[in-house]
C-alpha atoms as a PDB file:
ATOM      1  CA  MET A   1      -1.887  -1.036  -1.760  1.00  0.00           C
ATOM      2  CA  HIS A   2       0.284   0.800  -4.265  1.00  0.00           C
ATOM      3  CA  GLY A   3      -0.067   2.775  -7.474  1.00  0.00           C
ATOM      4  CA  PHE A   4      -2.984   3.903  -9.605  1.00  0.00           C
ATOM      5  CA  ILE A   5      -3.996   3.194 -13.208  1.00  0.00           C
ATOM      6  CA  LYS A   6      -7.152   4.133 -15.085  1.00  0.00           C
ATOM      7  CA  ILE A   7      -8.722   2.130 -17.865  1.00  0.00           C
ATOM      8  CA  ALA A   8     -10.860   4.428 -19.970  1.00  0.00           C
ATOM      9  CA  GLY A   9     -14.020   3.331 -21.671  1.00  0.00           C
ATOM     10  CA  ILE A  10     -15.053   0.502 -19.361  1.00  0.00           C
ATOM     11  CA  SER A  11     -17.787   0.973 -16.806  1.00  0.00           C
ATOM     12  CA  LEU A  12     -17.865  -2.079 -14.559  1.00  0.00           C
ATOM     13  CA  LEU A  13     -19.813  -0.858 -11.566  1.00  0.00           C
ATOM     14  CA  THR A  14     -23.197  -2.462 -10.962  1.00  0.00           C
ATOM     15  CA  ALA A  15     -25.794  -1.697  -8.359  1.00  0.00           C
ATOM     16  CA  SER A  16     -26.183  -5.215  -7.074  1.00  0.00           C
ATOM     17  CA  VAL A  17     -25.356  -8.815  -7.768  1.00  0.00           C
ATOM     18  CA  CYS A  18     -29.021  -9.610  -8.351  1.00  0.00           C
ATOM     19  CA  VAL A  19     -29.306  -7.020 -11.113  1.00  0.00           C
ATOM     20  CA  ALA A  20     -26.081  -8.299 -12.641  1.00  0.00           C
ATOM     21  CA  ALA A  21     -27.365 -11.853 -12.732  1.00  0.00           C
ATOM     22  CA  SER A  22     -30.582 -10.918 -14.531  1.00  0.00           C
ATOM     23  CA  VAL A  23     -29.306  -8.264 -16.944  1.00  0.00           C
ATOM     24  CA  PHE A  24     -25.962  -9.832 -17.852  1.00  0.00           C
ATOM     25  CA  ALA A  25     -27.041 -13.467 -17.939  1.00  0.00           C
ATOM     26  CA  ASP A  26     -24.770 -14.156 -20.932  1.00  0.00           C
ATOM     27  CA  GLU A  27     -21.656 -12.874 -19.148  1.00  0.00           C
ATOM     28  CA  PRO A  28     -19.819 -14.313 -16.132  1.00  0.00           C
ATOM     29  CA  HIS A  29     -19.754 -10.788 -14.662  1.00  0.00           C
ATOM     30  CA  PRO A  30     -21.356  -7.484 -15.729  1.00  0.00           C
ATOM     31  CA  GLY A  31     -19.255  -5.757 -18.361  1.00  0.00           C
ATOM     32  CA  ALA A  32     -17.156  -8.860 -19.040  1.00  0.00           C
ATOM     33  CA  SER A  33     -17.440  -8.653 -22.841  1.00  0.00           C
ATOM     34  CA  ALA A  34     -15.955  -5.147 -23.001  1.00  0.00           C
ATOM     35  CA  PHE A  35     -13.311  -6.211 -20.499  1.00  0.00           C
ATOM     36  CA  LEU A  36     -12.330  -9.229 -22.620  1.00  0.00           C
ATOM     37  CA  ASP A  37     -12.172  -7.060 -25.747  1.00  0.00           C
ATOM     38  CA  LYS A  38      -9.727  -4.755 -24.007  1.00  0.00           C
ATOM     39  CA  ALA A  39      -7.633  -7.644 -22.648  1.00  0.00           C
ATOM     40  CA  GLU A  40      -7.210  -9.011 -26.157  1.00  0.00           C
ATOM     41  CA  ARG A  41      -6.911  -5.750 -28.098  1.00  0.00           C
ATOM     42  CA  GLU A  42      -4.703  -3.654 -25.818  1.00  0.00           C
ATOM     43  CA  HIS A  43      -2.739  -6.229 -23.823  1.00  0.00           C
ATOM     44  CA  GLY A  44      -2.423  -9.115 -26.253  1.00  0.00           C
ATOM     45  CA  LEU A  45      -3.929 -11.567 -23.797  1.00  0.00           C
ATOM     46  CA  ASP A  46      -5.558 -14.726 -25.053  1.00  0.00           C
ATOM     47  CA  ARG A  47      -9.278 -14.066 -24.850  1.00  0.00           C
ATOM     48  CA  SER A  48     -10.312 -17.625 -24.056  1.00  0.00           C
ATOM     49  CA  MET A  49      -7.697 -17.881 -21.300  1.00  0.00           C
ATOM     50  CA  VAL A  50      -8.889 -14.694 -19.606  1.00  0.00           C
ATOM     51  CA  GLU A  51     -12.517 -15.746 -20.080  1.00  0.00           C
ATOM     52  CA  ASP A  52     -11.865 -19.117 -18.477  1.00  0.00           C
ATOM     53  CA  ILE A  53     -10.189 -17.525 -15.454  1.00  0.00           C
ATOM     54  CA  LEU A  54     -12.871 -14.858 -15.174  1.00  0.00           C
ATOM     55  CA  SER A  55     -15.566 -17.523 -15.231  1.00  0.00           C
ATOM     56  CA  GLU A  56     -13.921 -19.195 -12.237  1.00  0.00           C
ATOM     57  CA  ALA A  57     -13.744 -15.948 -10.251  1.00  0.00           C
ATOM     58  CA  ARG A  58     -16.453 -15.435  -7.650  1.00  0.00           C
ATOM     59  CA  PHE A  59     -18.053 -12.389  -6.080  1.00  0.00           C
ATOM     60  CA  GLN A  60     -17.267 -12.316  -2.349  1.00  0.00           C
ATOM     61  CA  GLN A  61     -19.425 -10.219  -0.045  1.00  0.00           C
ATOM     62  CA  THR A  62     -16.749 -10.376   2.650  1.00  0.00           C
ATOM     63  CA  ILE A  63     -14.419  -8.475   0.320  1.00  0.00           C
ATOM     64  CA  VAL A  64     -17.003  -5.714  -0.122  1.00  0.00           C
ATOM     65  CA  ASP A  65     -17.500  -5.621   3.651  1.00  0.00           C
ATOM     66  CA  ALA A  66     -13.750  -5.289   4.245  1.00  0.00           C
ATOM     67  CA  MET A  67     -13.445  -2.567   1.628  1.00  0.00           C
ATOM     68  CA  THR A  68     -16.129  -0.475   3.312  1.00  0.00           C
ATOM     69  CA  ARG A  69     -14.496  -0.605   6.752  1.00  0.00           C
ATOM     70  CA  PRO A  70     -10.700  -0.399   6.307  1.00  0.00           C
ATOM     71  CA  ALA A  71      -8.428   0.002   9.331  1.00  0.00           C
ATOM     72  CA  GLU A  72      -7.364   3.390   7.954  1.00  0.00           C
ATOM     73  CA  SER A  73     -10.826   4.739   8.764  1.00  0.00           C
ATOM     74  CA  LYS A  74     -10.101   4.419  12.485  1.00  0.00           C
ATOM     75  CA  PRO A  75      -8.832   7.328  14.603  1.00  0.00           C
ATOM     76  CA  TRP A  76      -5.101   7.267  15.330  1.00  0.00           C
ATOM     77  CA  HIS A  77      -5.543   6.155  18.947  1.00  0.00           C
ATOM     78  CA  GLU A  78      -7.293   2.992  17.700  1.00  0.00           C
ATOM     79  CA  TYR A  79      -5.116   2.433  14.626  1.00  0.00           C
ATOM     80  CA  ARG A  80      -1.737   2.753  16.364  1.00  0.00           C
ATOM     81  CA  PRO A  81      -2.213  -0.168  18.806  1.00  0.00           C
ATOM     82  CA  ILE A  82      -2.818  -2.540  15.902  1.00  0.00           C
ATOM     83  CA  PHE A  83       0.784  -2.174  14.745  1.00  0.00           C
ATOM     84  CA  LEU A  84       2.786  -0.781  17.654  1.00  0.00           C
ATOM     85  CA  THR A  85       2.752  -3.931  19.762  1.00  0.00           C
ATOM     86  CA  ARG A  86       5.545  -5.616  21.641  1.00  0.00           C
ATOM     87  CA  LYS A  87       5.212  -8.711  19.451  1.00  0.00           C
ATOM     88  CA  ARG A  88       5.481  -6.736  16.235  1.00  0.00           C
ATOM     89  CA  ILE A  89       8.457  -4.739  17.487  1.00  0.00           C
ATOM     90  CA  ASP A  90      10.270  -7.835  18.734  1.00  0.00           C
ATOM     91  CA  GLY A  91       9.321  -9.651  15.536  1.00  0.00           C
ATOM     92  CA  GLY A  92      10.970  -6.877  13.533  1.00  0.00           C
ATOM     93  CA  VAL A  93      14.152  -7.104  15.588  1.00  0.00           C
ATOM     94  CA  ASP A  94      14.224 -10.882  15.111  1.00  0.00           C
ATOM     95  CA  PHE A  95      13.553 -10.576  11.367  1.00  0.00           C
ATOM     96  CA  TRP A  96      16.375  -8.038  11.010  1.00  0.00           C
ATOM     97  CA  ARG A  97      18.840 -10.130  12.992  1.00  0.00           C
ATOM     98  CA  GLU A  98      17.970 -13.288  11.054  1.00  0.00           C
ATOM     99  CA  ASN A  99      18.463 -11.465   7.738  1.00  0.00           C
ATOM    100  CA  ARG A 100      21.060  -8.896   8.744  1.00  0.00           C
ATOM    101  CA  SER A 101      23.452  -9.239   5.792  1.00  0.00           C
ATOM    102  CA  LEU A 102      20.574  -9.347   3.279  1.00  0.00           C
ATOM    103  CA  ILE A 103      18.843  -6.283   4.716  1.00  0.00           C
ATOM    104  CA  GLU A 104      22.076  -4.315   4.923  1.00  0.00           C
ATOM    105  CA  ARG A 105      22.937  -5.210   1.317  1.00  0.00           C
ATOM    106  CA  ALA A 106      19.514  -4.126   0.075  1.00  0.00           C
ATOM    107  CA  SER A 107      19.762  -0.952   2.151  1.00  0.00           C
ATOM    108  CA  ARG A 108      23.097  -0.071   0.521  1.00  0.00           C
ATOM    109  CA  GLU A 109      22.105  -0.956  -3.023  1.00  0.00           C
ATOM    110  CA  PHE A 110      18.766   0.873  -2.982  1.00  0.00           C
ATOM    111  CA  GLY A 111      19.607   3.681  -0.563  1.00  0.00           C
ATOM    112  CA  VAL A 112      16.799   2.982   1.907  1.00  0.00           C
ATOM    113  CA  ASP A 113      17.139   2.903   5.694  1.00  0.00           C
ATOM    114  CA  PRO A 114      16.999  -0.740   6.864  1.00  0.00           C
ATOM    115  CA  GLU A 115      14.537  -0.183   9.708  1.00  0.00           C
ATOM    116  CA  VAL A 116      11.993   1.223   7.263  1.00  0.00           C
ATOM    117  CA  ILE A 117      12.276  -1.818   4.991  1.00  0.00           C
ATOM    118  CA  VAL A 118      11.657  -4.063   7.990  1.00  0.00           C
ATOM    119  CA  ALA A 119       8.807  -1.916   9.306  1.00  0.00           C
ATOM    120  CA  ILE A 120       6.959  -1.988   5.964  1.00  0.00           C
ATOM    121  CA  ILE A 121       7.030  -5.795   5.990  1.00  0.00           C
ATOM    122  CA  GLY A 122       5.997  -5.738   9.651  1.00  0.00           C
ATOM    123  CA  VAL A 123       2.980  -3.496   9.098  1.00  0.00           C
ATOM    124  CA  GLU A 124       1.933  -5.233   5.890  1.00  0.00           C
ATOM    125  CA  THR A 125       2.073  -8.906   6.898  1.00  0.00           C
ATOM    126  CA  PHE A 126       3.662  -9.250  10.359  1.00  0.00           C
ATOM    127  CA  TYR A 127       6.869 -10.428   8.632  1.00  0.00           C
ATOM    128  CA  GLY A 128       5.053 -12.897   6.404  1.00  0.00           C
ATOM    129  CA  ARG A 129       2.662 -14.334   8.970  1.00  0.00           C
ATOM    130  CA  ILE A 130      -0.492 -12.733   7.501  1.00  0.00           C
ATOM    131  CA  THR A 131      -0.455 -12.522   3.699  1.00  0.00           C
ATOM    132  CA  GLY A 132      -4.206 -12.874   3.025  1.00  0.00           C
ATOM    133  CA  ASN A 133      -6.519 -15.781   2.282  1.00  0.00           C
ATOM    134  CA  TYR A 134      -8.612 -14.380  -0.558  1.00  0.00           C
ATOM    135  CA  ARG A 135      -8.057 -15.649  -4.059  1.00  0.00           C
ATOM    136  CA  VAL A 136      -6.646 -12.726  -6.012  1.00  0.00           C
ATOM    137  CA  ILE A 137      -9.028 -13.341  -8.910  1.00  0.00           C
ATOM    138  CA  ASP A 138     -11.981 -13.172  -6.501  1.00  0.00           C
ATOM    139  CA  ALA A 139     -10.727  -9.949  -4.909  1.00  0.00           C
ATOM    140  CA  LEU A 140     -10.082  -8.187  -8.204  1.00  0.00           C
ATOM    141  CA  THR A 141     -13.289  -9.428  -9.807  1.00  0.00           C
ATOM    142  CA  THR A 142     -15.400  -8.389  -6.822  1.00  0.00           C
ATOM    143  CA  LEU A 143     -13.888  -4.904  -6.742  1.00  0.00           C
ATOM    144  CA  GLY A 144     -13.580  -4.541 -10.516  1.00  0.00           C
ATOM    145  CA  PHE A 145     -17.083  -5.660 -11.432  1.00  0.00           C
ATOM    146  CA  TYR A 146     -19.113  -5.084  -8.258  1.00  0.00           C
ATOM    147  CA  TYR A 147     -17.437  -2.108  -6.591  1.00  0.00           C
ATOM    148  CA  PRO A 148     -19.397  -0.957  -3.505  1.00  0.00           C
ATOM    149  CA  SER A 149     -21.723   1.880  -4.534  1.00  0.00           C
ATOM    150  CA  GLU A 150     -21.718   3.286  -1.002  1.00  0.00           C
ATOM    151  CA  LEU A 151     -18.077   4.344  -1.288  1.00  0.00           C
ATOM    152  CA  LYS A 152     -17.460   7.927  -2.361  1.00  0.00           C
ATOM    153  CA  ARG A 153     -15.054   7.252  -5.200  1.00  0.00           C
ATOM    154  CA  ASP A 154     -15.683   4.643  -7.886  1.00  0.00           C
ATOM    155  CA  ARG A 155     -12.456   2.665  -8.314  1.00  0.00           C
ATOM    156  CA  SER A 156     -13.917  -0.206 -10.309  1.00  0.00           C
ATOM    157  CA  ASP A 157     -11.791   0.609 -13.375  1.00  0.00           C
ATOM    158  CA  PHE A 158      -8.666   0.603 -11.210  1.00  0.00           C
ATOM    159  CA  PHE A 159      -9.335  -2.910  -9.903  1.00  0.00           C
ATOM    160  CA  ALA A 160     -10.412  -4.155 -13.343  1.00  0.00           C
ATOM    161  CA  GLY A 161      -7.059  -2.876 -14.593  1.00  0.00           C
ATOM    162  CA  GLU A 162      -5.323  -4.749 -11.808  1.00  0.00           C
ATOM    163  CA  PHE A 163      -7.052  -7.928 -12.987  1.00  0.00           C
ATOM    164  CA  LEU A 164      -5.435  -7.433 -16.393  1.00  0.00           C
ATOM    165  CA  GLU A 165      -2.098  -6.747 -14.722  1.00  0.00           C
ATOM    166  CA  PHE A 166      -2.516  -9.962 -12.746  1.00  0.00           C
ATOM    167  CA  MET A 167      -3.099 -11.924 -15.944  1.00  0.00           C
ATOM    168  CA  LEU A 168       0.118 -10.530 -17.386  1.00  0.00           C
ATOM    169  CA  LEU A 169       1.995 -11.165 -14.143  1.00  0.00           C
ATOM    170  CA  SER A 170       0.756 -14.746 -14.038  1.00  0.00           C
ATOM    171  CA  GLN A 171       2.255 -15.363 -17.456  1.00  0.00           C
ATOM    172  CA  GLU A 172       5.535 -13.593 -16.663  1.00  0.00           C
ATOM    173  CA  GLU A 173       6.118 -15.367 -13.355  1.00  0.00           C
ATOM    174  CA  ASN A 174       4.350 -18.637 -14.187  1.00  0.00           C
ATOM    175  CA  LEU A 175       1.834 -18.233 -11.368  1.00  0.00           C
ATOM    176  CA  PRO A 176      -1.237 -20.473 -11.000  1.00  0.00           C
ATOM    177  CA  ALA A 177      -3.718 -17.647 -11.520  1.00  0.00           C
ATOM    178  CA  THR A 178      -6.739 -19.376  -9.981  1.00  0.00           C
ATOM    179  CA  GLU A 179      -4.843 -20.388  -6.838  1.00  0.00           C
ATOM    180  CA  VAL A 180      -2.845 -17.300  -5.829  1.00  0.00           C
ATOM    181  CA  THR A 181      -4.115 -15.716  -2.620  1.00  0.00           C
ATOM    182  CA  GLY A 182      -3.713 -12.269  -1.114  1.00  0.00           C
ATOM    183  CA  SER A 183      -5.539  -9.454   0.650  1.00  0.00           C
ATOM    184  CA  TYR A 184      -9.132  -8.380   0.101  1.00  0.00           C
ATOM    185  CA  ALA A 185      -7.764  -5.737  -2.309  1.00  0.00           C
ATOM    186  CA  GLY A 186      -5.653  -8.178  -4.318  1.00  0.00           C
ATOM    187  CA  ALA A 187      -2.277  -7.374  -2.726  1.00  0.00           C
ATOM    188  CA  MET A 188       0.159 -10.276  -2.625  1.00  0.00           C
ATOM    189  CA  GLY A 189       3.086 -11.707  -0.741  1.00  0.00           C
ATOM    190  CA  MET A 190       5.068 -10.563   2.276  1.00  0.00           C
ATOM    191  CA  GLY A 191       5.230  -7.002   0.984  1.00  0.00           C
ATOM    192  CA  GLN A 192       1.623  -6.901  -0.256  1.00  0.00           C
ATOM    193  CA  PHE A 193       2.197  -5.719  -3.808  1.00  0.00           C
ATOM    194  CA  ILE A 194      -0.799  -5.279  -6.068  1.00  0.00           C
ATOM    195  CA  PRO A 195      -0.242  -6.759  -9.557  1.00  0.00           C
ATOM    196  CA  SER A 196       0.856  -3.531 -11.293  1.00  0.00           C
ATOM    197  CA  SER A 197       3.357  -2.790  -8.526  1.00  0.00           C
ATOM    198  CA  TYR A 198       4.596  -6.372  -8.576  1.00  0.00           C
ATOM    199  CA  ARG A 199       5.301  -6.048 -12.300  1.00  0.00           C
ATOM    200  CA  ALA A 200       6.903  -2.599 -11.974  1.00  0.00           C
ATOM    201  CA  TYR A 201       8.952  -2.839  -8.771  1.00  0.00           C
ATOM    202  CA  ALA A 202       9.515  -6.456  -7.722  1.00  0.00           C
ATOM    203  CA  VAL A 203      13.152  -7.553  -7.878  1.00  0.00           C
ATOM    204  CA  ASP A 204      14.810 -10.939  -8.393  1.00  0.00           C
ATOM    205  CA  PHE A 205      17.414 -10.516  -5.650  1.00  0.00           C
ATOM    206  CA  ASP A 206      18.271 -14.183  -5.145  1.00  0.00           C
ATOM    207  CA  GLY A 207      19.111 -14.835  -8.807  1.00  0.00           C
ATOM    208  CA  SER A 208      16.457 -17.528  -9.249  1.00  0.00           C
ATOM    209  CA  GLY A 209      15.129 -16.068 -12.487  1.00  0.00           C
ATOM    210  CA  HIS A 210      11.769 -15.297 -10.861  1.00  0.00           C
ATOM    211  CA  ARG A 211      10.482 -12.598  -8.543  1.00  0.00           C
ATOM    212  CA  ASP A 212       8.950 -14.524  -5.660  1.00  0.00           C
ATOM    213  CA  LEU A 213       7.330 -12.312  -3.028  1.00  0.00           C
ATOM    214  CA  TRP A 214       5.998 -15.239  -0.993  1.00  0.00           C
ATOM    215  CA  GLN A 215       8.911 -17.572  -0.337  1.00  0.00           C
ATOM    216  CA  SER A 216      12.039 -15.597  -1.249  1.00  0.00           C
ATOM    217  CA  THR A 217      13.025 -13.256   1.564  1.00  0.00           C
ATOM    218  CA  PRO A 218      15.770 -11.693  -0.614  1.00  0.00           C
ATOM    219  CA  ASP A 219      13.204 -10.833  -3.302  1.00  0.00           C
ATOM    220  CA  VAL A 220      10.795  -9.427  -0.710  1.00  0.00           C
ATOM    221  CA  VAL A 221      13.351  -7.231   1.045  1.00  0.00           C
ATOM    222  CA  ALA A 222      14.835  -5.904  -2.196  1.00  0.00           C
ATOM    223  CA  SER A 223      11.419  -5.297  -3.756  1.00  0.00           C
ATOM    224  CA  VAL A 224      10.247  -3.206  -0.802  1.00  0.00           C
ATOM    225  CA  ALA A 225      13.513  -1.268  -0.891  1.00  0.00           C
ATOM    226  CA  ASN A 226      13.253  -0.779  -4.645  1.00  0.00           C
ATOM    227  CA  TYR A 227       9.689   0.493  -4.359  1.00  0.00           C
ATOM    228  CA  LEU A 228      10.681   3.121  -1.812  1.00  0.00           C
ATOM    229  CA  SER A 229      13.819   4.048  -3.749  1.00  0.00           C
ATOM    230  CA  ARG A 230      11.938   4.482  -7.023  1.00  0.00           C
ATOM    231  CA  HIS A 231       9.497   6.796  -5.273  1.00  0.00           C
ATOM    232  CA  GLY A 232      12.260   9.058  -4.000  1.00  0.00           C
ATOM    233  CA  TRP A 233      13.429   7.802  -0.600  1.00  0.00           C
ATOM    234  CA  LYS A 234      16.506   9.617   0.757  1.00  0.00           C
ATOM    235  CA  ALA A 235      18.484   7.546   3.247  1.00  0.00           C
ATOM    236  CA  GLY A 236      19.281   9.234   6.521  1.00  0.00           C
ATOM    237  CA  GLU A 237      16.820  12.082   6.039  1.00  0.00           C
ATOM    238  CA  PRO A 238      14.000  12.689   8.540  1.00  0.00           C
ATOM    239  CA  VAL A 239      10.512  11.285   8.173  1.00  0.00           C
ATOM    240  CA  ALA A 240       8.474  13.223  10.739  1.00  0.00           C
ATOM    241  CA  ALA A 241       8.866  15.406  13.829  1.00  0.00           C
ATOM    242  CA  ARG A 242       6.380  16.383  16.519  1.00  0.00           C
ATOM    243  CA  ALA A 243       4.987  19.869  16.094  1.00  0.00           C
ATOM    244  CA  PHE A 244       3.271  22.006  18.702  1.00  0.00           C
ATOM    245  CA  PRO A 245       0.783  24.788  18.005  1.00  0.00           C
ATOM    246  CA  VAL A 246       2.140  27.928  19.641  1.00  0.00           C
ATOM    247  CA  GLY A 247       0.395  31.255  20.148  1.00  0.00           C
ATOM    248  CA  GLU A 248      -3.073  32.485  19.337  1.00  0.00           C
ATOM    249  CA  GLY A 249      -2.529  32.903  15.614  1.00  0.00           C
ATOM    250  CA  VAL A 250      -2.130  29.246  14.648  1.00  0.00           C
ATOM    251  CA  GLU A 251      -3.182  28.812  11.034  1.00  0.00           C
ATOM    252  CA  THR A 252      -5.139  25.547  11.172  1.00  0.00           C
ATOM    253  CA  SER A 253      -6.162  26.124   7.554  1.00  0.00           C
ATOM    254  CA  ILE A 254      -2.708  24.847   6.640  1.00  0.00           C
ATOM    255  CA  LEU A 255      -3.973  21.340   7.395  1.00  0.00           C
ATOM    256  CA  ARG A 256      -6.005  21.498   4.199  1.00  0.00           C
ATOM    257  CA  ASP A 257      -2.754  21.483   2.216  1.00  0.00           C
ATOM    258  CA  GLY A 258      -2.537  17.713   2.697  1.00  0.00           C
ATOM    259  CA  TYR A 259       0.509  15.616   3.549  1.00  0.00           C
ATOM    260  CA  LYS A 260       2.702  16.368   0.533  1.00  0.00           C
ATOM    261  CA  PRO A 261       5.472  18.725   1.697  1.00  0.00           C
ATOM    262  CA  THR A 262       5.120  22.045  -0.101  1.00  0.00           C
ATOM    263  CA  ARG A 263       6.129  24.629   2.518  1.00  0.00           C
ATOM    264  CA  THR A 264       9.274  25.028   4.582  1.00  0.00           C
ATOM    265  CA  VAL A 265       9.832  24.329   8.260  1.00  0.00           C
ATOM    266  CA  ALA A 266      10.293  28.087   8.671  1.00  0.00           C
ATOM    267  CA  GLU A 267       6.916  28.738   7.048  1.00  0.00           C
ATOM    268  CA  MET A 268       5.331  26.187   9.347  1.00  0.00           C
ATOM    269  CA  ALA A 269       6.822  27.974  12.342  1.00  0.00           C
ATOM    270  CA  SER A 270       5.416  31.266  11.091  1.00  0.00           C
ATOM    271  CA  ALA A 271       2.011  29.572  10.837  1.00  0.00           C
ATOM    272  CA  GLY A 272       2.271  28.602  14.504  1.00  0.00           C
ATOM    273  CA  PHE A 273       3.538  25.008  14.272  1.00  0.00           C
ATOM    274  CA  GLN A 274       6.845  24.794  16.142  1.00  0.00           C
ATOM    275  CA  ALA A 275       9.095  21.752  15.903  1.00  0.00           C
ATOM    276  CA  SER A 276      12.668  20.885  16.877  1.00  0.00           C
ATOM    277  CA  PRO A 277      15.110  23.778  16.395  1.00  0.00           C
ATOM    278  CA  GLU A 278      17.563  21.240  14.956  1.00  0.00           C
ATOM    279  CA  LEU A 279      15.505  20.939  11.776  1.00  0.00           C
ATOM    280  CA  ASP A 280      16.709  22.723   8.675  1.00  0.00           C
ATOM    281  CA  PRO A 281      14.358  25.732   8.405  1.00  0.00           C
ATOM    282  CA  GLN A 282      14.400  25.360   4.613  1.00  0.00           C
ATOM    283  CA  ARG A 283      13.409  21.688   4.603  1.00  0.00           C
ATOM    284  CA  ARG A 284      10.094  21.078   2.868  1.00  0.00           C
ATOM    285  CA  ALA A 285       7.325  20.002   5.223  1.00  0.00           C
ATOM    286  CA  ALA A 286       3.618  19.493   5.671  1.00  0.00           C
ATOM    287  CA  VAL A 287       1.649  19.229   8.889  1.00  0.00           C
ATOM    288  CA  VAL A 288      -0.706  16.376   9.766  1.00  0.00           C
ATOM    289  CA  GLU A 289      -3.175  16.083  12.617  1.00  0.00           C
ATOM    290  CA  LEU A 290      -3.738  12.797  14.438  1.00  0.00           C
ATOM    291  CA  GLU A 291      -6.702  12.076  16.663  1.00  0.00           C
ATOM    292  CA  GLU A 292      -5.817  10.960  20.180  1.00  0.00           C
ATOM    293  CA  LYS A 293      -8.373  10.133  22.888  1.00  0.00           C
ATOM    294  CA  GLU A 294      -8.154  13.415  24.773  1.00  0.00           C
ATOM    295  CA  ARG A 295      -6.677  15.809  22.228  1.00  0.00           C
ATOM    296  CA  ASN A 296      -5.318  15.883  18.717  1.00  0.00           C
ATOM    297  CA  ILE A 297      -1.586  15.975  18.094  1.00  0.00           C
ATOM    298  CA  TYR A 298       0.420  17.435  15.201  1.00  0.00           C
ATOM    299  CA  TRP A 299       3.458  16.309  13.268  1.00  0.00           C
ATOM    300  CA  LEU A 300       5.599  17.948  10.656  1.00  0.00           C
ATOM    301  CA  VAL A 301       6.125  15.387   7.905  1.00  0.00           C
ATOM    302  CA  PHE A 302       8.798  15.457   5.218  1.00  0.00           C
ATOM    303  CA  ASP A 303       9.514  13.999   1.796  1.00  0.00           C
ATOM    304  CA  ASN A 304      10.336  10.532   3.164  1.00  0.00           C
ATOM    305  CA  PHE A 305       6.963  10.436   4.894  1.00  0.00           C
ATOM    306  CA  TYR A 306       5.332  11.220   1.564  1.00  0.00           C
ATOM    307  CA  VAL A 307       7.282   8.345  -0.012  1.00  0.00           C
ATOM    308  CA  ILE A 308       5.786   5.935   2.536  1.00  0.00           C
ATOM    309  CA  THR A 309       2.320   7.136   1.539  1.00  0.00           C
ATOM    310  CA  ARG A 310       3.075   5.987  -2.009  1.00  0.00           C
ATOM    311  CA  TYR A 311       2.980   2.481  -0.548  1.00  0.00           C
ATOM    312  CA  ASN A 312      -0.363   3.139   1.131  1.00  0.00           C
ATOM    313  CA  ARG A 313      -2.057   6.513   0.709  1.00  0.00           C
ATOM    314  CA  SER A 314      -2.845   6.991   4.381  1.00  0.00           C
ATOM    315  CA  THR A 315      -1.169   9.242   6.923  1.00  0.00           C
ATOM    316  CA  LEU A 316      -2.062   6.712   9.618  1.00  0.00           C
ATOM    317  CA  TYR A 317      -0.250   3.967   7.710  1.00  0.00           C
ATOM    318  CA  ALA A 318       2.831   6.106   7.128  1.00  0.00           C
ATOM    319  CA  MET A 319       2.954   7.155  10.774  1.00  0.00           C
ATOM    320  CA  ALA A 320       2.634   3.530  11.922  1.00  0.00           C
ATOM    321  CA  VAL A 321       5.554   2.544   9.662  1.00  0.00           C
ATOM    322  CA  PHE A 322       7.600   5.472  10.967  1.00  0.00           C
ATOM    323  CA  GLU A 323       6.983   4.695  14.632  1.00  0.00           C
ATOM    324  CA  LEU A 324       7.471   0.953  14.202  1.00  0.00           C
ATOM    325  CA  ALA A 325      10.746   1.581  12.366  1.00  0.00           C
ATOM    326  CA  LYS A 326      11.994   3.725  15.263  1.00  0.00           C
ATOM    327  CA  GLU A 327      11.096   1.044  17.819  1.00  0.00           C
ATOM    328  CA  ILE A 328      12.756  -1.715  15.783  1.00  0.00           C
ATOM    329  CA  ALA A 329      15.931   0.363  15.353  1.00  0.00           C
ATOM    330  CA  ALA A 330      15.997   0.974  19.106  1.00  0.00           C
ATOM    331  CA  GLY A 331      15.634  -2.741  19.709  1.00  0.00           C
ATOM    332  CA  MET A 332      18.543  -3.489  17.384  1.00  0.00           C
ATOM    333  CA  ALA A 333      20.701  -1.020  19.314  1.00  0.00           C
ATOM    334  CA  GLU A 334      20.180  -2.762  22.644  1.00  0.00           C
END
């Protein structure tokens, strides 16, 4: 998933579906009236149209279940094998070879390394094989109006906002709103764009007049490249490098800095995390820790790694994209 928006003044979280049914009997979902007011007042959406679509949307317990146990909650040694498989690597090589001129053109125009474009599509949907079977209106309604109370951070307003973005997107791209399917979080197409990201970053690269992230490979490839480019990707620059704790004075507190690069490679070395001597000592870096079966490992990560986390705010996700991209590039070189 990508991007964050906040809709102030709407509280859509409810404790349970049973409570919602009894207390909000006159609304299709708890908080729907305030939501419809906002759709009409701030976004110019036709109230009856949004109400009709909202009335067709259904709460799905399986979406709540999926939200409370995402793959990103796994340790690295369990997460990595999901994406670093022979089939996914070979599939990336095949996808690149089948679309070589397209991928190279998008890489040039947007300034993004081709293997990373391919790897994003590979991690997200296995090159279009797995795009999600949930209706987007069900996913966004479930998470916007019935967000799981057991999760630490209430993101109901975020998903309610994405419902509004989806209504706008449906009008702009002439999508059948009640039929479009995607992930349990409402992400769509081969690149798994949530509605706000679709509207902001999707590209019509085949000249059809529409941005089609399901059937148009040119639009998919260019949209992924555009997303990374707009978030600051620098072609040819490093993503990550193994780091090794050296000496007795390793400053593990540096891990609390997070994965946004704020220190230099030289500062990391002074803190006890040594990496390749070929790295520019003044390059900005952060250090991340990954859980292996027998011991944890460390990586220095750079600005391009942070860009990947704008696509999915998980270090595990970004590392999977990075490693898959390397394997695909190696396969192309054979």
